[in-house]
Amino acid sequence: MLLPPPYRRARSRDERFRLIQPSRQGILADNLKPAVSFLARLRGLMFRSHIPGEGLLFKPGGSFHTAFVRFPIDALFLDRQGRILKLCHAVPPWQIRLAPRRTAILIELPAGTLARWALQEGDVVVPEPSGDIR
C-alpha cells in the first residue's frame, strides 16, 4: 500500500496532519505541523521551548540531530508505505540519529509519546491531512 495523497508535501505551513494507525483504527496525533520550507526544515526544533502542535513532520525524511534542542524528543522513521523502520525514544539534546535506508518520512514528537502508543518497528502508521489548525 503506497501512502495516499497525504504523502505529498504539505501545501502550506498552516496545513496540519494527523497520524493514523489503521490496524488499531486510532488517531495517534491530530496536529502534526509539516516542515515545508527550507528554513523550517533547517530550524526544526532548534531554539524552541517546546514542540509545536503534537509534533513535526518532515517529508522527505532523513537523519536528524538535536543540537540546540532544549528537551528530549521521540522520533519515527517511516518508509513510503507508512511502515515504521526505526523508533527513537527520548533522544536527548546534542545527539544524532541516522535514518535507515528507505526512509521517506521523519516525525518528531514529544518524549514519551512512542512509549504511550506502544508502537513497534514494522507497525504501519499513515499521516493524512487534518485541515488547517492554528
Protein backbone atom coordinates (compact mmCIF):
# COMPACT_ATOMS: atom_id res chain seq x y z
CA MET A 1 0.00 0.00 0.00
CA LEU A 2 1.52 3.30 -1.04
CA LEU A 3 0.66 6.28 1.06
CA PRO A 4 -2.33 8.23 -0.28
CA PRO A 5 -2.12 11.93 -1.19
CA PRO A 6 -1.03 12.99 2.33
CA TYR A 7 2.38 11.56 1.45
CA ARG A 8 2.85 14.56 -0.80
CA ARG A 9 4.41 17.70 0.58
CA ALA A 10 2.17 19.98 2.58
CA ARG A 11 0.68 22.82 0.57
CA SER A 12 1.27 25.48 3.22
CA ARG A 13 2.85 25.96 6.61
CA ASP A 14 -0.66 26.22 8.09
CA GLU A 15 -1.69 22.77 6.88
CA ARG A 16 -1.72 20.14 9.62
CA PHE A 17 -1.57 16.36 9.53
CA ARG A 18 -2.92 13.66 11.78
CA LEU A 19 -1.18 10.32 12.32
CA ILE A 20 -3.47 7.30 11.96
CA GLN A 21 -2.74 3.70 12.88
CA PRO A 22 -5.07 1.68 10.60
CA SER A 23 -4.66 -1.65 12.44
CA ARG A 24 -5.99 -0.12 15.68
CA GLN A 25 -8.28 2.36 13.90
CA GLY A 26 -6.90 5.11 16.09
CA ILE A 27 -5.60 8.64 15.77
CA LEU A 28 -2.17 8.81 17.35
CA ALA A 29 -1.63 12.54 16.82
CA ASP A 30 -4.09 15.07 15.50
CA ASN A 31 -1.91 18.15 14.99
CA LEU A 32 1.41 17.43 13.25
CA LYS A 33 3.00 20.52 11.75
CA PRO A 34 4.80 19.92 8.44
CA ALA A 35 8.26 21.44 7.97
CA VAL A 36 7.59 22.85 4.49
CA SER A 37 10.22 25.45 3.67
CA PHE A 38 13.98 25.05 3.60
CA LEU A 39 14.27 27.28 6.67
CA ALA A 40 11.58 25.38 8.61
CA ARG A 41 13.35 22.10 7.84
CA LEU A 42 16.71 23.59 8.78
CA ARG A 43 15.45 25.05 12.04
CA GLY A 44 13.32 22.08 13.08
CA LEU A 45 13.15 22.23 16.88
CA MET A 46 16.32 24.25 17.44
CA PHE A 47 15.98 27.07 19.97
CA ARG A 48 12.34 26.24 20.76
CA SER A 49 10.99 25.74 24.27
CA HIS A 50 8.50 23.07 23.17
CA ILE A 51 7.28 21.09 20.14
CA PRO A 52 4.66 22.98 18.09
CA GLY A 53 1.31 21.19 17.96
CA GLU A 54 1.77 17.50 18.65
CA GLY A 55 4.93 17.15 16.55
CA LEU A 56 6.77 17.94 13.34
CA LEU A 57 6.50 16.03 10.06
CA PHE A 58 9.44 16.06 7.63
CA LYS A 59 8.87 14.77 4.10
CA PRO A 60 11.25 13.78 2.70
CA GLY A 61 12.61 12.49 5.97
CA GLY A 62 16.18 11.72 6.84
CA SER A 63 18.69 11.71 9.65
CA PHE A 64 18.25 14.30 12.38
CA HIS A 65 20.16 15.98 15.20
CA THR A 66 19.14 17.58 18.46
CA ALA A 67 21.81 20.30 18.54
CA PHE A 68 20.35 23.41 20.17
CA VAL A 69 17.16 21.50 21.04
CA ARG A 70 16.40 22.14 24.71
CA PHE A 71 14.45 18.98 25.51
CA PRO A 72 14.42 15.25 24.66
CA ILE A 73 12.27 14.09 21.73
CA ASP A 74 10.87 10.87 20.28
CA ALA A 75 11.15 10.21 16.55
CA LEU A 76 9.74 7.79 13.97
CA PHE A 77 11.27 6.93 10.61
CA LEU A 78 8.68 5.74 8.06
CA ASP A 79 9.01 4.24 4.58
CA ARG A 80 6.70 5.10 1.65
CA GLN A 81 4.14 2.54 2.82
CA GLY A 82 3.99 4.11 6.31
CA ARG A 83 5.83 1.18 7.88
CA ILE A 84 7.90 2.13 10.91
CA LEU A 85 11.55 1.50 10.10
CA LYS A 86 13.03 2.78 13.35
CA LEU A 87 11.84 4.25 16.66
CA CYS A 88 13.97 6.67 18.69
CA HIS A 89 12.84 7.12 22.30
CA ALA A 90 13.69 10.25 24.35
CA VAL A 91 16.66 11.40 22.27
CA PRO A 92 18.49 13.94 24.47
CA PRO A 93 19.97 17.24 23.26
CA TRP A 94 23.20 17.16 21.24
CA GLN A 95 22.65 13.75 19.66
CA ILE A 96 22.46 12.48 16.06
CA ARG A 97 20.24 9.68 14.76
CA LEU A 98 20.86 8.26 11.30
CA ALA A 99 17.92 7.41 9.07
CA PRO A 100 17.60 3.81 7.94
CA ARG A 101 17.57 3.04 4.23
CA ARG A 102 14.20 3.66 2.55
CA THR A 103 13.22 6.43 4.99
CA ALA A 104 10.59 8.65 3.36
CA ILE A 105 9.11 10.48 6.37
CA LEU A 106 10.51 11.60 9.72
CA ILE A 107 8.14 12.51 12.55
CA GLU A 108 9.43 14.26 15.69
CA LEU A 109 7.24 14.04 18.79
CA PRO A 110 7.36 14.94 22.49
CA ALA A 111 9.44 12.50 24.56
CA GLY A 112 7.33 9.65 25.96
CA THR A 113 4.83 9.66 23.10
CA LEU A 114 6.13 6.44 21.48
CA ALA A 115 6.07 4.54 24.77
CA ARG A 116 2.47 5.66 25.38
CA TRP A 117 1.42 4.40 21.93
CA ALA A 118 3.30 1.07 22.31
CA LEU A 119 4.43 1.22 18.69
CA GLN A 120 6.96 -1.24 17.28
CA GLU A 121 9.14 -1.42 14.20
CA GLY A 122 7.07 -2.86 11.35
CA ASP A 123 3.79 -1.28 12.51
CA VAL A 124 2.06 0.90 9.90
CA VAL A 125 1.02 4.49 10.59
CA VAL A 126 -0.32 6.91 7.99
CA PRO A 127 -0.06 10.70 8.04
CA GLU A 128 -3.09 12.34 6.46
CA PRO A 129 -4.23 15.96 6.19
CA SER A 130 -6.38 17.10 9.10
CA GLY A 131 -7.09 20.60 7.83
CA ASP A 132 -5.74 24.00 8.86
CA ILE A 133 -5.39 24.26 12.63
CA ARG A 134 -3.94 27.39 14.16
